[in-house]
Amino acid sequence: MKKLIFTLGLVAGLSALTFAQDGHSDGHGHDAPAQAPAAASTADIKMDKLEHDYGNIKQGGNGECEFKFTNNGKEPLVITNCQGSCGCTVPQCPKEPILPGKTGVIKVKYDTNRPGNIYKTVTVTSNAKSGNVVLTIKGNVEVKPVESDFPQNTTPAGAPTEKKG
């Protein structure tokens, strides 16, 4: 009797394992057909320039520049993100798709109230087949000269006076 119960238990256990494996479908994709990778985009971005040199610019001066580009691809170019390398460099990218053969402009504003050398980047992320584009701005912000009024004393205080004799 013990052998019969043991044999029936063994058969039931093996059957359960076999059916559990055949019906396995928990969303992990084990038995799903392989999916093809997403088709590569045919949009492409061609920049007129990758670098803007301000040269010497006065503190508080106009820190704006533009980078023009063309979509040389066969589908609309979508710019998803423009990111400056720090808070002093603020890019402004078009939000609408750029159709094939059309042009667009990326505007960059640098805070020129920070004297010294400039070397900052803007990373442009899009669906272009060439990948991300890194734009560079460089130059030198010259310190604004200090303007102050000098006192107009004819005789400085504490200066020796001539004795009359």
N, C-alpha and C. Protein backbone atom coordinates (compact mmCIF):
# COMPACT_ATOMS: atom_id res chain seq x y z
N MET A 1 0.82 -1.18 0.00
CA MET A 1 0.00 0.00 0.00
C MET A 1 0.87 1.26 0.00
N LYS A 2 1.94 1.20 0.77
CA LYS A 2 2.85 2.34 0.82
C LYS A 2 3.47 2.59 -0.55
N LYS A 3 3.81 1.51 -1.25
CA LYS A 3 4.41 1.65 -2.57
C LYS A 3 3.43 2.29 -3.54
N LEU A 4 2.17 1.93 -3.44
CA LEU A 4 1.15 2.49 -4.33
C LEU A 4 0.96 3.98 -4.09
N ILE A 5 0.88 4.38 -2.86
CA ILE A 5 0.73 5.81 -2.52
C ILE A 5 1.97 6.58 -2.96
N PHE A 6 3.14 6.02 -2.73
CA PHE A 6 4.37 6.68 -3.14
C PHE A 6 4.42 6.84 -4.67
N THR A 7 4.05 5.80 -5.41
CA THR A 7 4.07 5.83 -6.87
C THR A 7 3.06 6.84 -7.39
N LEU A 8 1.84 6.86 -6.85
CA LEU A 8 0.83 7.83 -7.28
C LEU A 8 1.28 9.27 -6.97
N GLY A 9 1.88 9.48 -5.85
CA GLY A 9 2.40 10.81 -5.48
C GLY A 9 3.50 11.26 -6.42
N LEU A 10 4.37 10.35 -6.76
CA LEU A 10 5.48 10.67 -7.67
C LEU A 10 4.95 11.02 -9.06
N VAL A 11 3.99 10.24 -9.55
CA VAL A 11 3.40 10.51 -10.87
C VAL A 11 2.67 11.85 -10.86
N ALA A 12 1.93 12.15 -9.81
CA ALA A 12 1.19 13.42 -9.71
C ALA A 12 2.16 14.60 -9.67
N GLY A 13 3.23 14.45 -8.92
CA GLY A 13 4.23 15.53 -8.82
C GLY A 13 4.91 15.79 -10.16
N LEU A 14 5.32 14.74 -10.85
CA LEU A 14 5.96 14.90 -12.15
C LEU A 14 5.00 15.49 -13.18
N SER A 15 3.75 15.08 -13.12
CA SER A 15 2.73 15.63 -14.03
C SER A 15 2.55 17.13 -13.79
N ALA A 16 2.50 17.52 -12.55
CA ALA A 16 2.33 18.94 -12.22
C ALA A 16 3.51 19.76 -12.74
N LEU A 17 4.71 19.25 -12.58
CA LEU A 17 5.89 19.96 -13.07
C LEU A 17 5.88 20.07 -14.59
N THR A 18 5.47 19.01 -15.26
CA THR A 18 5.45 19.01 -16.72
C THR A 18 4.44 20.02 -17.24
N PHE A 19 3.24 20.04 -16.68
CA PHE A 19 2.21 20.99 -17.14
C PHE A 19 2.57 22.43 -16.77
N ALA A 20 3.24 22.62 -15.66
CA ALA A 20 3.63 23.98 -15.26
C ALA A 20 4.64 24.56 -16.25
N GLN A 21 5.54 23.74 -16.75
CA GLN A 21 6.53 24.21 -17.71
C GLN A 21 5.90 24.49 -19.06
N ASP A 22 4.97 23.70 -19.52
CA ASP A 22 4.33 23.91 -20.82
C ASP A 22 3.49 25.18 -20.82
N GLY A 23 2.83 25.47 -19.74
CA GLY A 23 1.93 26.62 -19.69
C GLY A 23 2.58 27.87 -19.15
N HIS A 24 3.87 27.92 -19.06
CA HIS A 24 4.59 29.07 -18.48
C HIS A 24 4.41 30.31 -19.35
N SER A 25 3.73 31.29 -18.81
CA SER A 25 3.54 32.55 -19.53
C SER A 25 3.35 33.65 -18.50
N ASP A 26 4.45 34.14 -17.96
CA ASP A 26 4.36 35.15 -16.91
C ASP A 26 4.78 36.54 -17.38
N GLY A 27 4.84 36.73 -18.68
CA GLY A 27 5.17 38.07 -19.19
C GLY A 27 6.65 38.35 -19.31
N HIS A 28 7.50 37.38 -19.03
CA HIS A 28 8.94 37.59 -19.16
C HIS A 28 9.43 37.44 -20.59
N GLY A 29 8.55 36.96 -21.46
CA GLY A 29 8.92 36.85 -22.86
C GLY A 29 9.70 35.59 -23.19
N HIS A 30 9.64 34.56 -22.30
CA HIS A 30 10.38 33.34 -22.58
C HIS A 30 9.87 32.65 -23.83
N ASP A 31 8.54 32.63 -23.99
CA ASP A 31 7.99 31.93 -25.13
C ASP A 31 7.47 32.91 -26.19
N ALA A 32 7.75 34.20 -26.04
CA ALA A 32 7.33 35.19 -27.03
C ALA A 32 8.35 35.22 -28.17
N PRO A 33 7.88 35.50 -29.38
CA PRO A 33 8.83 35.59 -30.49
C PRO A 33 9.75 36.80 -30.30
N ALA A 34 10.96 36.69 -30.79
CA ALA A 34 11.92 37.79 -30.67
C ALA A 34 11.43 38.99 -31.48
N GLN A 35 11.54 40.19 -30.88
CA GLN A 35 11.10 41.40 -31.57
C GLN A 35 12.28 42.00 -32.31
N ALA A 36 11.98 42.55 -33.46
CA ALA A 36 13.03 43.22 -34.24
C ALA A 36 13.39 44.52 -33.55
N PRO A 37 14.65 44.94 -33.59
CA PRO A 37 15.03 46.22 -33.00
C PRO A 37 14.32 47.36 -33.73
N ALA A 38 14.13 48.45 -33.01
CA ALA A 38 13.47 49.62 -33.60
C ALA A 38 14.27 50.10 -34.81
N ALA A 39 13.53 50.51 -35.82
CA ALA A 39 14.19 50.98 -37.05
C ALA A 39 14.98 52.24 -36.74
N ALA A 40 16.16 52.34 -37.31
CA ALA A 40 17.01 53.52 -37.10
C ALA A 40 16.37 54.71 -37.79
N SER A 41 16.51 55.86 -37.19
CA SER A 41 15.96 57.08 -37.75
C SER A 41 16.73 57.48 -39.01
N THR A 42 16.02 58.09 -39.93
CA THR A 42 16.69 58.61 -41.12
C THR A 42 16.80 60.13 -41.08
N ALA A 43 16.45 60.73 -39.93
CA ALA A 43 16.66 62.17 -39.75
C ALA A 43 18.14 62.39 -39.50
N ASP A 44 18.66 63.54 -39.91
CA ASP A 44 20.06 63.84 -39.63
C ASP A 44 20.25 65.34 -39.48
N ILE A 45 21.14 65.72 -38.57
CA ILE A 45 21.37 67.14 -38.28
C ILE A 45 22.75 67.54 -38.81
N LYS A 46 22.78 68.63 -39.55
CA LYS A 46 24.03 69.18 -40.09
C LYS A 46 24.17 70.60 -39.56
N MET A 47 25.14 70.82 -38.68
CA MET A 47 25.35 72.13 -38.07
C MET A 47 26.19 73.01 -39.00
N ASP A 48 25.86 74.31 -39.06
CA ASP A 48 26.70 75.27 -39.80
C ASP A 48 28.05 75.44 -39.12
N LYS A 49 28.05 75.39 -37.77
CA LYS A 49 29.29 75.48 -36.99
C LYS A 49 29.07 74.73 -35.69
N LEU A 50 30.14 74.26 -35.08
CA LEU A 50 30.06 73.56 -33.80
C LEU A 50 30.63 74.39 -32.67
N GLU A 51 31.22 75.55 -33.00
CA GLU A 51 31.87 76.38 -31.98
C GLU A 51 31.60 77.86 -32.26
N HIS A 52 31.36 78.60 -31.18
CA HIS A 52 31.22 80.05 -31.29
C HIS A 52 32.26 80.69 -30.38
N ASP A 53 33.05 81.60 -30.95
CA ASP A 53 34.09 82.29 -30.19
C ASP A 53 33.65 83.74 -29.99
N TYR A 54 33.36 84.11 -28.74
CA TYR A 54 32.99 85.48 -28.42
C TYR A 54 34.18 86.42 -28.53
N GLY A 55 35.39 85.88 -28.48
CA GLY A 55 36.57 86.73 -28.41
C GLY A 55 36.59 87.39 -27.04
N ASN A 56 36.98 88.68 -26.99
CA ASN A 56 36.92 89.44 -25.74
C ASN A 56 35.59 90.16 -25.71
N ILE A 57 34.86 89.96 -24.63
CA ILE A 57 33.54 90.57 -24.47
C ILE A 57 33.52 91.27 -23.12
N LYS A 58 32.88 92.42 -23.06
CA LYS A 58 32.81 93.18 -21.81
C LYS A 58 31.88 92.51 -20.81
N GLN A 59 32.22 92.64 -19.55
CA GLN A 59 31.36 92.14 -18.48
C GLN A 59 29.99 92.81 -18.60
N GLY A 60 28.92 92.01 -18.58
CA GLY A 60 27.57 92.54 -18.73
C GLY A 60 27.16 92.73 -20.19
N GLY A 61 28.06 92.38 -21.12
CA GLY A 61 27.77 92.52 -22.56
C GLY A 61 26.81 91.46 -23.06
N ASN A 62 26.51 91.53 -24.36
CA ASN A 62 25.57 90.60 -24.98
C ASN A 62 26.23 89.23 -25.14
N GLY A 63 25.73 88.25 -24.41
CA GLY A 63 26.29 86.90 -24.45
C GLY A 63 25.46 85.94 -25.28
N GLU A 64 24.72 86.47 -26.26
CA GLU A 64 23.87 85.61 -27.09
C GLU A 64 24.59 85.22 -28.38
N CYS A 65 24.34 83.99 -28.82
CA CYS A 65 24.84 83.52 -30.12
C CYS A 65 23.85 82.51 -30.68
N GLU A 66 24.03 82.17 -31.96
CA GLU A 66 23.13 81.23 -32.62
C GLU A 66 23.92 80.17 -33.36
N PHE A 67 23.38 78.97 -33.36
CA PHE A 67 23.92 77.85 -34.13
C PHE A 67 22.82 77.42 -35.09
N LYS A 68 23.06 77.57 -36.39
CA LYS A 68 22.08 77.18 -37.39
C LYS A 68 22.35 75.74 -37.84
N PHE A 69 21.28 75.03 -38.16
CA PHE A 69 21.41 73.65 -38.61
C PHE A 69 20.37 73.32 -39.67
N THR A 70 20.61 72.22 -40.39
CA THR A 70 19.71 71.74 -41.43
C THR A 70 19.43 70.26 -41.18
N ASN A 71 18.19 69.84 -41.44
CA ASN A 71 17.85 68.43 -41.40
C ASN A 71 18.16 67.84 -42.77
N ASN A 72 19.27 67.11 -42.88
CA ASN A 72 19.68 66.48 -44.13
C ASN A 72 19.11 65.09 -44.28
N GLY A 73 18.23 64.69 -43.38
CA GLY A 73 17.68 63.34 -43.43
C GLY A 73 16.42 63.25 -44.25
N LYS A 74 15.73 62.11 -44.11
CA LYS A 74 14.53 61.83 -44.89
C LYS A 74 13.26 61.81 -44.05
N GLU A 75 13.38 62.09 -42.76
CA GLU A 75 12.21 62.18 -41.90
C GLU A 75 12.39 63.36 -40.95
N PRO A 76 11.32 63.81 -40.30
CA PRO A 76 11.44 64.99 -39.42
C PRO A 76 12.47 64.79 -38.31
N LEU A 77 13.23 65.85 -38.05
CA LEU A 77 14.22 65.86 -36.98
C LEU A 77 13.54 66.41 -35.72
N VAL A 78 13.61 65.64 -34.65
CA VAL A 78 12.99 66.04 -33.39
C VAL A 78 14.08 66.21 -32.34
N ILE A 79 14.25 67.44 -31.86
CA ILE A 79 15.23 67.71 -30.79
C ILE A 79 14.51 67.48 -29.47
N THR A 80 14.99 66.53 -28.69
CA THR A 80 14.33 66.17 -27.44
C THR A 80 14.92 66.87 -26.22
N ASN A 81 16.18 67.33 -26.32
CA ASN A 81 16.79 68.00 -25.17
C ASN A 81 17.99 68.83 -25.61
N CYS A 82 18.13 69.99 -24.98
CA CYS A 82 19.33 70.84 -25.12
C CYS A 82 19.78 71.14 -23.70
N GLN A 83 21.02 70.79 -23.38
CA GLN A 83 21.50 70.94 -22.01
C GLN A 83 22.84 71.65 -21.98
N GLY A 84 22.90 72.80 -21.28
CA GLY A 84 24.15 73.51 -21.08
C GLY A 84 24.99 72.82 -20.03
N SER A 85 26.32 73.02 -20.09
CA SER A 85 27.21 72.36 -19.14
C SER A 85 27.14 72.98 -17.75
N CYS A 86 26.54 74.17 -17.62
CA CYS A 86 26.33 74.77 -16.30
C CYS A 86 25.16 75.75 -16.39
N GLY A 87 24.78 76.30 -15.27
CA GLY A 87 23.64 77.21 -15.23
C GLY A 87 23.89 78.55 -15.90
N CYS A 88 25.13 78.88 -16.18
CA CYS A 88 25.45 80.16 -16.82
C CYS A 88 25.28 80.10 -18.33
N THR A 89 25.05 78.89 -18.88
CA THR A 89 24.89 78.69 -20.31
C THR A 89 23.48 78.14 -20.55
N VAL A 90 22.62 78.97 -21.17
CA VAL A 90 21.22 78.60 -21.33
C VAL A 90 20.89 78.46 -22.82
N PRO A 91 20.67 77.21 -23.28
CA PRO A 91 20.30 77.01 -24.69
C PRO A 91 18.79 77.08 -24.87
N GLN A 92 18.38 77.42 -26.08
CA GLN A 92 16.96 77.43 -26.44
C GLN A 92 16.84 76.73 -27.79
N CYS A 93 16.19 75.57 -27.80
CA CYS A 93 16.08 74.75 -29.01
C CYS A 93 14.65 74.76 -29.52
N PRO A 94 14.47 74.54 -30.84
CA PRO A 94 13.12 74.48 -31.38
C PRO A 94 12.35 73.29 -30.81
N LYS A 95 11.09 73.50 -30.52
CA LYS A 95 10.26 72.45 -29.95
C LYS A 95 9.53 71.66 -31.03
N GLU A 96 9.31 72.28 -32.18
CA GLU A 96 8.60 71.60 -33.26
C GLU A 96 9.58 70.80 -34.13
N PRO A 97 9.10 69.72 -34.75
CA PRO A 97 9.97 68.93 -35.64
C PRO A 97 10.45 69.76 -36.82
N ILE A 98 11.67 69.51 -37.25
CA ILE A 98 12.25 70.19 -38.42
C ILE A 98 12.13 69.21 -39.59
N LEU A 99 11.37 69.62 -40.60
CA LEU A 99 11.13 68.75 -41.75
C LEU A 99 12.40 68.55 -42.58
N PRO A 100 12.47 67.47 -43.35
CA PRO A 100 13.64 67.22 -44.20
C PRO A 100 13.92 68.41 -45.12
N GLY A 101 15.20 68.82 -45.19
CA GLY A 101 15.62 69.93 -46.03
C GLY A 101 15.43 71.30 -45.40
N LYS A 102 14.74 71.38 -44.27
CA LYS A 102 14.48 72.67 -43.60
C LYS A 102 15.57 72.96 -42.57
N THR A 103 15.63 74.24 -42.17
CA THR A 103 16.64 74.68 -41.21
C THR A 103 16.02 75.11 -39.89
N GLY A 104 16.83 75.17 -38.88
CA GLY A 104 16.42 75.63 -37.57
C GLY A 104 17.58 76.34 -36.89
N VAL A 105 17.30 76.90 -35.71
CA VAL A 105 18.31 77.66 -34.97
C VAL A 105 18.28 77.24 -33.50
N ILE A 106 19.47 77.05 -32.95
CA ILE A 106 19.64 76.83 -31.52
C ILE A 106 20.27 78.10 -30.97
N LYS A 107 19.56 78.77 -30.06
CA LYS A 107 20.08 80.00 -29.46
C LYS A 107 20.71 79.67 -28.12
N VAL A 108 21.86 80.31 -27.86
CA VAL A 108 22.57 80.09 -26.60
C VAL A 108 22.85 81.45 -25.98
N LYS A 109 22.57 81.56 -24.68
CA LYS A 109 22.86 82.81 -23.96
C LYS A 109 23.80 82.48 -22.80
N TYR A 110 24.93 83.19 -22.79
CA TYR A 110 25.91 83.02 -21.71
C TYR A 110 25.81 84.22 -20.78
N ASP A 111 25.89 83.98 -19.47
CA ASP A 111 25.82 85.05 -18.47
C ASP A 111 27.18 85.74 -18.41
N THR A 112 27.27 86.92 -19.03
CA THR A 112 28.54 87.65 -19.11
C THR A 112 28.85 88.46 -17.85
N ASN A 113 28.10 88.26 -16.80
CA ASN A 113 28.44 88.91 -15.53
C ASN A 113 29.46 88.10 -14.75
N ARG A 114 30.00 87.10 -15.38
CA ARG A 114 31.03 86.24 -14.76
C ARG A 114 32.34 86.48 -15.50
N PRO A 115 33.23 87.33 -14.98
CA PRO A 115 34.47 87.62 -15.69
C PRO A 115 35.41 86.41 -15.74
N GLY A 116 36.22 86.38 -16.80
CA GLY A 116 37.20 85.32 -16.96
C GLY A 116 36.99 84.56 -18.25
N ASN A 117 37.75 83.48 -18.41
CA ASN A 117 37.68 82.67 -19.62
C ASN A 117 36.37 81.90 -19.69
N ILE A 118 35.86 81.74 -20.90
CA ILE A 118 34.65 80.97 -21.16
C ILE A 118 35.05 79.74 -21.94
N TYR A 119 34.61 78.58 -21.50
CA TYR A 119 34.68 77.36 -22.29
C TYR A 119 33.55 76.47 -21.79
N LYS A 120 32.40 76.54 -22.47
CA LYS A 120 31.21 75.81 -22.06
C LYS A 120 30.67 75.01 -23.24
N THR A 121 29.87 73.99 -22.93
CA THR A 121 29.29 73.17 -23.98
C THR A 121 27.78 73.10 -23.84
N VAL A 122 27.13 72.80 -24.97
CA VAL A 122 25.70 72.53 -25.01
C VAL A 122 25.54 71.20 -25.74
N THR A 123 24.88 70.25 -25.09
CA THR A 123 24.63 68.94 -25.70
C THR A 123 23.22 68.92 -26.26
N VAL A 124 23.11 68.60 -27.56
CA VAL A 124 21.83 68.57 -28.26
C VAL A 124 21.49 67.10 -28.51
N THR A 125 20.36 66.66 -27.93
CA THR A 125 19.89 65.30 -28.09
C THR A 125 18.71 65.29 -29.05
N SER A 126 18.77 64.40 -30.06
CA SER A 126 17.70 64.35 -31.05
C SER A 126 17.60 62.93 -31.61
N ASN A 127 16.69 62.78 -32.58
CA ASN A 127 16.55 61.48 -33.24
C ASN A 127 17.46 61.36 -34.46
N ALA A 128 18.46 62.22 -34.57
CA ALA A 128 19.38 62.19 -35.70
C ALA A 128 20.19 60.89 -35.70
N LYS A 129 20.39 60.32 -36.89
CA LYS A 129 21.15 59.07 -36.98
C LYS A 129 22.61 59.27 -36.59
N SER A 130 23.09 60.51 -36.64
CA SER A 130 24.48 60.79 -36.26
C SER A 130 24.65 60.91 -34.74
N GLY A 131 23.57 60.87 -33.99
CA GLY A 131 23.65 60.91 -32.52
C GLY A 131 23.65 62.32 -31.96
N ASN A 132 24.09 62.44 -30.71
CA ASN A 132 24.13 63.73 -30.03
C ASN A 132 25.15 64.66 -30.67
N VAL A 133 24.87 65.96 -30.58
CA VAL A 133 25.79 66.98 -31.07
C VAL A 133 26.23 67.81 -29.87
N VAL A 134 27.54 68.09 -29.78
CA VAL A 134 28.05 68.93 -28.70
C VAL A 134 28.54 70.24 -29.31
N LEU A 135 27.91 71.34 -28.89
CA LEU A 135 28.28 72.69 -29.34
C LEU A 135 29.16 73.32 -28.27
N THR A 136 30.08 74.19 -28.68
CA THR A 136 31.01 74.82 -27.74
C THR A 136 30.96 76.33 -27.89
N ILE A 137 30.99 77.01 -26.75
CA ILE A 137 31.17 78.47 -26.75
C ILE A 137 32.45 78.76 -25.98
N LYS A 138 33.19 79.75 -26.46
CA LYS A 138 34.43 80.11 -25.77
C LYS A 138 34.67 81.60 -25.93
N GLY A 139 35.59 82.12 -25.14
CA GLY A 139 35.94 83.53 -25.19
C GLY A 139 36.49 83.98 -23.86
N ASN A 140 36.45 85.29 -23.66
CA ASN A 140 36.96 85.87 -22.43
C ASN A 140 36.09 87.07 -22.06
N VAL A 141 35.57 87.06 -20.83
CA VAL A 141 34.78 88.19 -20.33
C VAL A 141 35.73 89.10 -19.57
N GLU A 142 35.88 90.33 -20.10
CA GLU A 142 36.77 91.31 -19.47
C GLU A 142 36.03 92.04 -18.36
N VAL A 143 36.73 92.25 -17.24
CA VAL A 143 36.15 92.92 -16.09
C VAL A 143 35.80 94.36 -16.47
N LYS A 144 34.60 94.76 -16.09
CA LYS A 144 34.16 96.12 -16.35
C LYS A 144 34.98 97.07 -15.49
N PRO A 145 35.54 98.17 -16.07
CA PRO A 145 36.32 99.10 -15.25
C PRO A 145 35.43 99.76 -14.19
N VAL A 146 36.03 99.99 -13.03
CA VAL A 146 35.30 100.63 -11.94
C VAL A 146 35.21 102.12 -12.23
N GLU A 147 34.00 102.62 -12.22
CA GLU A 147 33.80 104.06 -12.45
C GLU A 147 33.43 104.71 -11.13
N SER A 148 34.24 105.66 -10.70
CA SER A 148 33.92 106.38 -9.47
C SER A 148 34.31 107.84 -9.65
N ASP A 149 33.59 108.70 -8.97
CA ASP A 149 33.89 110.12 -9.03
C ASP A 149 34.96 110.43 -8.00
N PHE A 150 36.00 111.15 -8.43
CA PHE A 150 37.05 111.56 -7.52
C PHE A 150 36.68 112.91 -6.91
N PRO A 151 36.95 113.08 -5.63
CA PRO A 151 36.63 114.38 -5.00
C PRO A 151 37.45 115.50 -5.63
N GLN A 152 36.87 116.67 -5.72
CA GLN A 152 37.51 117.84 -6.33
C GLN A 152 37.96 118.82 -5.25
N ASN A 153 38.91 118.43 -4.42
CA ASN A 153 39.45 119.33 -3.39
C ASN A 153 40.60 120.13 -3.99
N THR A 154 40.59 121.45 -3.74
CA THR A 154 41.70 122.27 -4.21
C THR A 154 42.88 122.14 -3.26
N THR A 155 42.59 122.02 -2.00
CA THR A 155 43.65 121.83 -1.01
C THR A 155 43.34 120.55 -0.26
N PRO A 156 44.16 119.57 -0.44
CA PRO A 156 43.90 118.32 0.26
C PRO A 156 43.98 118.52 1.77
N ALA A 157 43.15 117.85 2.49
CA ALA A 157 43.14 117.96 3.96
C ALA A 157 44.46 117.44 4.51
N GLY A 158 45.02 118.21 5.45
CA GLY A 158 46.25 117.81 6.09
C GLY A 158 47.50 118.17 5.30
N ALA A 159 47.34 118.87 4.23
CA ALA A 159 48.51 119.26 3.45
C ALA A 159 49.17 120.46 4.12
N PRO A 160 50.47 120.54 4.10
CA PRO A 160 51.15 121.68 4.73
C PRO A 160 50.79 122.99 3.99
N THR A 161 50.67 124.04 4.76
CA THR A 161 50.40 125.36 4.16
C THR A 161 51.64 126.21 4.29
N GLU A 162 51.72 127.18 3.44
CA GLU A 162 52.88 128.06 3.40
C GLU A 162 52.74 129.14 4.46
N LYS A 163 53.81 129.38 5.24
CA LYS A 163 53.77 130.43 6.28
C LYS A 163 54.19 131.75 5.67
N LYS A 164 53.48 132.77 6.05
CA LYS A 164 53.85 134.11 5.56
C LYS A 164 54.60 134.80 6.66
N GLY A 165 55.64 135.42 6.31
CA GLY A 165 56.52 135.87 7.27
C GLY A 165 56.87 137.12 7.69
